[in-house]
Protein backbone atom coordinates (compact mmCIF):
# COMPACT_ATOMS: atom_id res chain seq x y z
CA MET A 1 111.75 147.11 77.69
CA TYR A 2 112.19 150.78 77.41
CA TYR A 3 111.40 153.63 80.27
CA VAL A 4 110.83 157.18 79.90
CA TYR A 5 111.85 158.38 83.12
CA ILE A 6 111.38 162.09 85.19
CA LEU A 7 113.53 163.34 87.90
CA GLU A 8 113.27 166.30 89.88
CA ARG A 9 116.35 167.77 90.78
CA SER A 10 117.61 169.43 93.97
CA ASP A 11 116.63 172.82 92.41
CA GLY A 12 112.89 171.51 91.90
CA SER A 13 113.28 171.61 87.81
CA TYR A 14 112.61 168.25 85.91
CA TYR A 15 114.94 165.84 84.09
CA CYS A 16 113.84 163.49 81.35
CA TRP A 17 115.05 160.77 79.77
CA SER A 18 114.73 157.08 78.28
CA THR A 19 116.58 154.17 79.36
CA GLN A 20 116.48 150.41 79.45
CA ASN A 21 117.49 150.35 83.05
CA VAL A 22 115.77 152.99 85.61
CA ASP A 23 117.23 152.09 89.00
CA LYS A 24 120.65 151.81 87.06
CA ARG A 25 120.32 155.38 85.58
CA LEU A 26 119.08 156.66 88.92
CA TYR A 27 122.16 155.36 90.80
CA TRP A 28 124.58 156.31 88.06
CA HIS A 29 122.63 160.30 88.42
CA ASN A 30 123.07 160.65 92.31
CA ASN A 31 126.43 158.89 92.49
CA TRP A 32 129.04 159.73 89.35
CA ASN A 33 129.58 162.47 87.18
CA VAL A 34 126.82 162.52 84.96
CA GLN A 35 127.37 165.84 83.29
CA SER A 36 123.54 167.14 82.74
CA THR A 37 122.72 166.67 86.45
CA ARG A 38 125.83 166.53 88.77
CA HIS A 39 124.96 169.97 89.94
CA TYR A 40 121.23 169.38 91.19
CA ARG A 41 122.17 166.08 93.49
CA PRO A 42 120.35 164.65 94.84
CA LEU A 43 118.04 163.39 92.23
CA LYS A 44 114.43 162.01 93.08
CA LEU A 45 112.50 159.66 90.99
CA LEU A 46 108.84 161.36 90.26
CA PHE A 47 108.08 159.29 87.27
CA PHE A 48 108.75 156.29 84.81
CA LYS A 49 106.68 154.41 82.18
CA GLU A 50 107.27 151.23 80.23
CA TYR A 51 107.57 150.85 76.55
CA TRP A 52 107.80 147.85 74.31
CA GLU A 53 109.82 149.87 71.49
CA LYS A 54 112.75 152.03 72.14
CA THR A 55 111.74 154.29 69.38
CA GLU A 56 108.04 154.86 71.25
CA ALA A 57 110.06 155.50 74.45
CA GLN A 58 112.44 157.86 72.73
CA LYS A 59 109.54 159.39 70.72
CA ILE A 60 107.73 160.70 74.06
CA GLU A 61 111.35 161.75 75.48
CA ARG A 62 111.52 164.09 72.85
CA LYS A 63 108.04 165.57 72.99
CA LEU A 64 108.50 166.12 76.77
CA LYS A 65 111.84 167.98 75.95
CA LYS A 66 110.40 170.23 73.74
CA MET A 67 107.55 171.41 75.53
CA LYS A 68 109.74 172.19 78.33
CA SER A 69 106.99 173.48 80.54
CA ARG A 70 106.78 172.09 83.92
CA LYS A 71 102.92 172.53 83.71
CA ILE A 72 102.53 169.81 80.73
CA ILE A 73 104.96 167.64 82.26
CA GLU A 74 103.18 167.49 85.52
CA GLU A 75 99.87 166.61 83.66
CA PHE A 76 101.74 164.24 81.39
CA MET A 77 102.49 162.31 84.77
CA SER A 78 99.37 162.51 86.43
CA TRP A 79 97.34 161.92 83.15
CA LEU A 80 99.32 158.55 83.13
CA TRP A 81 99.97 157.58 87.02
């Protein structure tokens, strides 16, 4: 299983990524020096969705990152929640 997850950074912005283990990634983001999030701790898990295929999860991740719109990301989360 693969997951797309969305974190809320301490500044209120969103961080989107994909992984096989959401709990482990959230732990790493909050407790280790992950370059992209180290200045925005603590991070809060807002959303995750499971996918069977890695490529499918990565495709959704890329779409969300391309949009870079808070409104669209929030609509995505509410639509699937």
